[in-house]
C-alpha atoms as a PDB file:
ATOM      1  CA  MET A   1     -24.677  -9.484 -16.050  1.00  0.00           C
ATOM      2  CA  PRO A   2     -21.260  -9.913 -17.169  1.00  0.00           C
ATOM      3  CA  SER A   3     -20.675 -10.574 -20.861  1.00  0.00           C
ATOM      4  CA  TYR A   4     -18.391 -13.534 -19.870  1.00  0.00           C
ATOM      5  CA  ILE A   5     -16.899 -15.244 -16.843  1.00  0.00           C
ATOM      6  CA  GLU A   6     -13.425 -16.315 -17.337  1.00  0.00           C
ATOM      7  CA  ILE A   7     -12.114 -19.704 -15.674  1.00  0.00           C
ATOM      8  CA  ASP A   8      -8.699 -21.444 -16.123  1.00  0.00           C
ATOM      9  CA  ILE A   9      -9.568 -25.273 -16.909  1.00  0.00           C
ATOM     10  CA  SER A  10      -6.007 -26.140 -18.054  1.00  0.00           C
ATOM     11  CA  GLU A  11      -5.126 -27.973 -14.784  1.00  0.00           C
ATOM     12  CA  LEU A  12      -8.302 -29.999 -14.919  1.00  0.00           C
ATOM     13  CA  GLU A  13      -7.879 -33.816 -15.649  1.00  0.00           C
ATOM     14  CA  ILE A  14     -10.306 -36.569 -16.863  1.00  0.00           C
ATOM     15  CA  GLY A  15     -13.104 -36.868 -14.239  1.00  0.00           C
ATOM     16  CA  ASP A  16     -12.646 -33.568 -12.894  1.00  0.00           C
ATOM     17  CA  THR A  17     -15.759 -31.231 -12.419  1.00  0.00           C
ATOM     18  CA  LEU A  18     -16.233 -27.497 -11.699  1.00  0.00           C
ATOM     19  CA  THR A  19     -19.119 -26.431  -9.629  1.00  0.00           C
ATOM     20  CA  ARG A  20     -20.849 -23.194  -9.284  1.00  0.00           C
ATOM     21  CA  ILE A  21     -18.745 -22.456  -6.033  1.00  0.00           C
ATOM     22  CA  ASP A  22     -15.527 -22.579  -8.138  1.00  0.00           C
ATOM     23  CA  LEU A  23     -16.484 -19.582 -10.212  1.00  0.00           C
ATOM     24  CA  PRO A  24     -14.768 -16.367  -9.337  1.00  0.00           C
ATOM     25  CA  THR A  25     -16.328 -13.663  -7.071  1.00  0.00           C
ATOM     26  CA  ILE A  26     -17.499 -10.837  -9.406  1.00  0.00           C
ATOM     27  CA  GLU A  27     -18.326  -7.489  -7.615  1.00  0.00           C
ATOM     28  CA  GLY A  28     -22.082  -7.000  -8.507  1.00  0.00           C
ATOM     29  CA  VAL A  29     -22.793 -10.503  -9.645  1.00  0.00           C
ATOM     30  CA  GLU A  30     -24.943 -12.751  -7.566  1.00  0.00           C
ATOM     31  CA  TYR A  31     -25.021 -16.577  -8.710  1.00  0.00           C
ATOM     32  CA  LEU A  32     -28.372 -18.037  -8.255  1.00  0.00           C
ATOM     33  CA  ASP A  33     -27.503 -21.617  -8.600  1.00  0.00           C
ATOM     34  CA  ASP A  34     -26.651 -23.869  -5.752  1.00  0.00           C
ATOM     35  CA  ASP A  35     -22.895 -23.906  -5.067  1.00  0.00           C
ATOM     36  CA  ASP A  36     -22.556 -27.959  -5.830  1.00  0.00           C
ATOM     37  CA  ARG A  37     -24.287 -27.425  -9.275  1.00  0.00           C
ATOM     38  CA  PRO A  38     -21.757 -28.925 -11.849  1.00  0.00           C
ATOM     39  CA  LEU A  39     -20.926 -26.488 -14.415  1.00  0.00           C
ATOM     40  CA  VAL A  40     -17.974 -28.462 -16.321  1.00  0.00           C
ATOM     41  CA  THR A  41     -17.060 -31.939 -16.380  1.00  0.00           C
ATOM     42  CA  VAL A  42     -13.928 -33.395 -17.964  1.00  0.00           C
ATOM     43  CA  LEU A  43     -14.937 -36.519 -19.882  1.00  0.00           C
ATOM     44  CA  ALA A  44     -12.560 -39.179 -21.829  1.00  0.00           C
ATOM     45  CA  PRO A  45     -12.735 -38.708 -25.498  1.00  0.00           C
ATOM     46  CA  ARG A  46     -15.101 -41.112 -27.432  1.00  0.00           C
ATOM     47  CA  LEU A  47     -13.782 -41.024 -30.805  1.00  0.00           C
ATOM     48  CA  ILE A  48     -10.322 -40.950 -32.562  1.00  0.00           C
ATOM     49  CA  GLU A  49      -9.987 -37.875 -34.706  1.00  0.00           C
ATOM     50  CA  GLU A  50      -9.812 -38.479 -38.386  1.00  0.00           C
ATOM     51  CA  GLU A  51      -6.037 -37.319 -38.457  1.00  0.00           C
ATOM     52  CA  GLU A  52      -4.784 -39.575 -35.984  1.00  0.00           C
ATOM     53  CA  VAL A  53      -6.253 -42.546 -37.562  1.00  0.00           C
ATOM     54  CA  VAL A  54      -4.582 -41.446 -41.089  1.00  0.00           C
ATOM     55  CA  ASP A  55      -1.375 -41.050 -39.036  1.00  0.00           C
ATOM     56  CA  GLU A  56      -1.439 -44.434 -37.817  1.00  0.00           C
ATOM     57  CA  LEU A  57      -2.278 -46.039 -41.002  1.00  0.00           C
ATOM     58  CA  GLU A  58       0.672 -44.467 -42.595  1.00  0.00           C
ATOM     59  CA  GLY A  59       2.938 -45.917 -40.045  1.00  0.00           C
ATOM     60  CA  GLU A  60       1.528 -49.404 -40.855  1.00  0.00           C
ATOM     61  CA  LEU A  61       2.347 -49.564 -44.651  1.00  0.00           C
ATOM     62  CA  ALA A  62       3.998 -52.757 -45.907  1.00  0.00           C
ATOM     63  CA  GLU A  63       7.827 -52.799 -46.632  1.00  0.00           C
ATOM     64  CA  GLY A  64       7.985 -51.154 -50.110  1.00  0.00           C
ATOM     65  CA  GLU A  65       4.860 -49.372 -50.155  1.00  0.00           C
ATOM     66  CA  GLU A  66       4.510 -45.863 -50.402  1.00  0.00           C
ATOM     67  CA  ALA A  67       2.279 -43.446 -48.752  1.00  0.00           C
ATOM     68  CA  PRO A  68      -0.028 -41.519 -51.278  1.00  0.00           C
ATOM     69  CA  GLU A  69       1.372 -38.148 -52.365  1.00  0.00           C
ATOM     70  CA  GLU A  70       4.665 -39.025 -50.475  1.00  0.00           C
ATOM     71  CA  GLY A  71       6.013 -41.270 -53.252  1.00  0.00           C
ATOM     72  CA  GLU A  72       7.371 -38.868 -55.642  1.00  0.00           C
ATOM     73  CA  ALA A  73       9.243 -37.148 -52.814  1.00  0.00           C
ATOM     74  CA  ALA A  74      10.965 -40.488 -51.446  1.00  0.00           C
ATOM     75  CA  GLU A  75      12.133 -41.169 -54.898  1.00  0.00           C
ATOM     76  CA  SER A  76      13.434 -37.860 -55.633  1.00  0.00           C
ATOM     77  CA  ALA A  77      15.313 -38.090 -52.094  1.00  0.00           C
ATOM     78  CA  GLU A  78      16.658 -41.414 -53.079  1.00  0.00           C
ATOM     79  CA  ALA A  79      17.765 -40.253 -56.708  1.00  0.00           C
ATOM     80  CA  GLU A  80      19.762 -37.447 -54.753  1.00  0.00           C
ATOM     81  CA  ASP A  81      21.427 -40.053 -52.434  1.00  0.00           C
ATOM     82  CA  GLU A  82      22.587 -42.246 -55.463  1.00  0.00           C
ATOM     83  CA  GLY A  83      23.859 -39.015 -57.218  1.00  0.00           C
END
């Protein structure tokens, strides 16, 4: 039994499925599952990652409002522009 079986999934798109028949032939290895047994299916994400939400919220700040932790950097840049 091999310690791992490497397959390239980089070209898969949402809705694609890899079945047992898609696995590489390996000398000395016999697959016992049916050829059409699904092993991998690419699904659309169900949740938005927290980082993406934060990025979106920062882009929606009201005019004159500063994002947390960036306010000091913005003031310092303005002071340099004036000087």
